Every structure is written in structure tokens, then in C-alpha cells.
Amino acid sequence: MINTLYRSGMVFLAVLALAACAGFNPIEKPKVSITSIKMAPVIGFQQKLLVGLQLDNPNGFTINLARLRYTLELQGQSLAGGSLNEAISLPANGQTQLVVPVEVNLLSGIGVLSKILGSMQSDLDYKLSLTAAVTNFGLGDITINKVGKVGIGTATP
């Protein structure tokens, strides 16, 4: 009888521990926003946009990223994307600013760019999808989506 109660109690504690672990989320996704978009000089048939990003870490610990992949839409038009293969460290409860290149092929993207640049708006609607490889905790890739507004300018050569 005591063995049965002991076993039942142990099973109950194991189930309770598993339920607690299932509800535990070790990381809150970082927040991302575009702070600037600048056009770099045209090289051949490629137009490069330099996109300023701000990554905010809401966690009480540093998050280490190994790779970023991203796609960008402006004014509802799919532009292009890119990747950044550098180690990035987001400080605990802090933020990191970085600039990422977005390559636009002028032959396929000229219509999109001319529509965007010809809109004569000071702020452009954007949609950013960013996938980051988190090296902490063995979490792998996380995806962050952001919609907002940003101004556009020209970068100096």
C-alpha cells in the first residue's frame, strides 16, 4: 500500500515537473525595427540599399546571433533581401544598431524602385521579415516580423 502511494506520488511529481517545463519559455524574441534606408551608389545592374536596424533584447541575459536572413517590402512591393553572416551580441535588456545591405537587381526591380521613389512620401510603409540563428540555449532559428514606417535617403559614397 505504501509502495503504491509512493509510486503514485512520484508519477504525480514527474507529470507536474513536465507540465512546468512545457510552459517555460527560455527566451523572449528580440524586437526589431528599421531606423533608416539609404540608397548606395549603383554598381553595374545592382542597386544596394543600406538598411539600418535596431534590435532590442527584452531578456535579462545576452542573446548571441550567428546569422541574419531578411526580406523587405516597401509600400507593399516586395524588394529583395539579403543576409549577414556576422556574430551579433544583443546585451541584456539592451539594444544593438547595425546596417545590413539589401541587394536589388535593377533589371527586375526597376519598376518597384521607381514606384517607391516616385511616391514623394517622406515616410514609407515597410514589412520586414528577419530570421536569426540564436546560438544560446540551442534554440536554432527564430523569425521576427515587423511592420512600420521609415524615411528614405541617399548614402554618401
Protein backbone atom coordinates (compact mmCIF):
# COMPACT_ATOMS: atom_id res chain seq x y z
CA MET A 1 0.00 0.00 0.00
CA ILE A 2 2.80 2.42 0.93
CA ASN A 3 4.68 1.48 -2.24
CA THR A 4 1.60 2.24 -4.33
CA LEU A 5 1.15 5.64 -2.69
CA TYR A 6 4.87 6.35 -3.09
CA ARG A 7 4.77 5.41 -6.79
CA SER A 8 1.61 7.44 -7.38
CA GLY A 9 3.21 10.44 -5.67
CA MET A 10 6.36 10.11 -7.79
CA VAL A 11 4.32 9.87 -11.01
CA PHE A 12 2.33 12.94 -9.96
CA LEU A 13 5.53 14.91 -9.29
CA ALA A 14 7.01 13.84 -12.65
CA VAL A 15 3.87 14.92 -14.50
CA LEU A 16 3.87 18.22 -12.61
CA ALA A 17 7.54 18.82 -13.49
CA LEU A 18 6.92 18.06 -17.17
CA ALA A 19 3.96 20.43 -17.24
CA ALA A 20 6.09 23.18 -15.67
CA CYS A 21 8.86 22.63 -18.26
CA ALA A 22 6.36 22.75 -21.13
CA GLY A 23 5.24 26.21 -20.03
CA PHE A 24 8.80 27.50 -19.61
CA ASN A 25 9.97 29.71 -22.49
CA PRO A 26 13.68 30.42 -22.03
CA ILE A 27 13.77 33.39 -24.39
CA GLU A 28 11.55 36.26 -25.42
CA LYS A 29 12.08 37.16 -29.07
CA PRO A 30 14.09 40.31 -29.68
CA LYS A 31 12.23 43.27 -31.18
CA VAL A 32 13.41 44.72 -34.50
CA SER A 33 12.71 48.00 -36.28
CA ILE A 34 14.08 49.77 -39.33
CA THR A 35 15.70 53.07 -38.40
CA SER A 36 16.83 54.19 -41.87
CA ILE A 37 17.01 53.25 -45.52
CA LYS A 38 19.68 54.80 -47.70
CA MET A 39 20.49 54.20 -51.33
CA ALA A 40 24.11 53.37 -52.05
CA PRO A 41 25.69 54.25 -55.42
CA VAL A 42 24.63 52.00 -58.32
CA ILE A 43 27.22 49.41 -59.33
CA GLY A 44 26.51 47.74 -62.69
CA PHE A 45 22.97 46.42 -62.65
CA GLN A 46 22.78 46.24 -58.88
CA GLN A 47 21.25 48.85 -56.59
CA LYS A 48 22.13 48.38 -52.96
CA LEU A 49 20.01 49.73 -50.15
CA LEU A 50 21.65 50.16 -46.75
CA VAL A 51 19.03 49.38 -44.13
CA GLY A 52 19.59 50.49 -40.54
CA LEU A 53 18.18 48.08 -37.97
CA GLN A 54 17.68 48.38 -34.26
CA LEU A 55 17.50 45.10 -32.35
CA ASP A 56 16.13 45.28 -28.80
CA ASN A 57 16.69 42.46 -26.32
CA PRO A 58 13.88 42.32 -23.71
CA ASN A 59 15.61 39.47 -21.83
CA GLY A 60 17.78 39.74 -18.73
CA PHE A 61 20.62 37.91 -20.47
CA THR A 62 22.73 38.41 -23.60
CA ILE A 63 21.45 36.85 -26.82
CA ASN A 64 24.07 35.75 -29.34
CA LEU A 65 23.17 35.63 -33.03
CA ALA A 66 25.32 33.97 -35.67
CA ARG A 67 23.47 34.77 -38.91
CA LEU A 68 20.67 37.02 -40.15
CA ARG A 69 18.50 36.45 -43.22
CA TYR A 70 15.92 39.05 -44.15
CA THR A 71 13.37 40.14 -46.72
CA LEU A 72 11.98 43.63 -47.18
CA GLU A 73 8.80 45.08 -48.65
CA LEU A 74 8.33 48.83 -49.19
CA GLN A 75 4.94 50.34 -49.97
CA GLY A 76 3.54 46.82 -50.37
CA GLN A 77 6.12 45.96 -53.05
CA SER A 78 8.50 43.08 -52.46
CA LEU A 79 12.01 44.47 -52.90
CA ALA A 80 14.56 41.83 -52.14
CA GLY A 81 16.53 40.54 -49.23
CA GLY A 82 19.90 39.57 -48.05
CA SER A 83 21.91 38.01 -45.31
CA LEU A 84 24.54 39.00 -42.80
CA ASN A 85 26.93 36.29 -41.59
CA GLU A 86 28.48 38.05 -38.63
CA ALA A 87 28.31 37.31 -34.93
CA ILE A 88 25.98 39.78 -33.21
CA SER A 89 25.62 40.10 -29.47
CA LEU A 90 22.47 41.69 -28.04
CA PRO A 91 23.20 42.88 -24.49
CA ALA A 92 20.81 42.01 -21.67
CA ASN A 93 17.87 44.45 -21.63
CA GLY A 94 19.74 46.49 -24.26
CA GLN A 95 19.85 47.25 -27.93
CA THR A 96 22.18 46.98 -30.90
CA GLN A 97 22.25 49.11 -34.03
CA LEU A 98 23.51 47.70 -37.32
CA VAL A 99 23.32 48.35 -41.06
CA VAL A 100 22.53 45.49 -43.43
CA PRO A 101 22.77 45.51 -47.22
CA VAL A 102 19.72 44.73 -49.35
CA GLU A 103 20.57 43.99 -52.98
CA VAL A 104 18.02 44.94 -55.64
CA ASN A 105 18.58 43.82 -59.23
CA LEU A 106 17.82 46.88 -61.40
CA LEU A 107 16.55 44.79 -64.30
CA SER A 108 13.89 43.03 -62.23
CA GLY A 109 13.37 45.66 -59.55
CA ILE A 110 13.41 48.92 -61.51
CA GLY A 111 9.62 49.14 -61.57
CA VAL A 112 9.41 48.64 -57.83
CA LEU A 113 12.15 51.19 -57.08
CA SER A 114 10.71 53.83 -59.43
CA LYS A 115 7.26 53.41 -57.88
CA ILE A 116 8.69 53.74 -54.39
CA LEU A 117 10.96 56.68 -55.18
CA GLY A 118 8.27 58.41 -57.23
CA SER A 119 5.70 58.27 -54.46
CA MET A 120 7.06 61.54 -52.99
CA GLN A 121 6.21 60.43 -49.47
CA SER A 122 8.51 61.27 -46.61
CA ASP A 123 7.70 58.02 -44.80
CA LEU A 124 7.37 54.64 -46.46
CA ASP A 125 5.45 51.65 -45.15
CA TYR A 126 7.66 48.63 -44.66
CA LYS A 127 7.34 44.98 -43.84
CA LEU A 128 10.46 43.23 -42.60
CA SER A 129 10.89 39.53 -42.02
CA LEU A 130 14.10 38.64 -40.22
CA THR A 131 15.33 35.16 -39.33
CA ALA A 132 18.19 34.95 -36.87
CA ALA A 133 20.25 31.96 -35.73
CA VAL A 134 20.33 32.08 -31.91
CA THR A 135 23.41 30.34 -30.55
CA ASN A 136 22.27 30.46 -26.89
CA PHE A 137 20.35 27.51 -25.46
CA GLY A 138 20.50 25.55 -28.74
CA LEU A 139 17.32 27.27 -29.91
CA GLY A 140 18.27 27.47 -33.60
CA ASP A 141 16.47 29.96 -35.83
CA ILE A 142 13.83 32.44 -34.70
CA THR A 143 11.79 34.62 -37.07
CA ILE A 144 10.73 38.16 -36.27
CA ASN A 145 8.22 40.08 -38.41
CA LYS A 146 7.81 43.84 -38.19
CA VAL A 147 5.56 46.35 -39.94
CA GLY A 148 6.17 50.09 -39.66
CA LYS A 149 7.17 53.35 -41.35
CA VAL A 150 10.61 54.67 -42.26
CA GLY A 151 12.12 57.59 -44.19
CA ILE A 152 14.42 57.05 -47.17
CA GLY A 153 17.62 58.91 -48.03
CA THR A 154 20.80 58.67 -50.05
CA ALA A 155 24.01 57.32 -48.61
CA THR A 156 27.26 59.12 -49.21
CA PRO A 157 29.76 57.15 -51.31
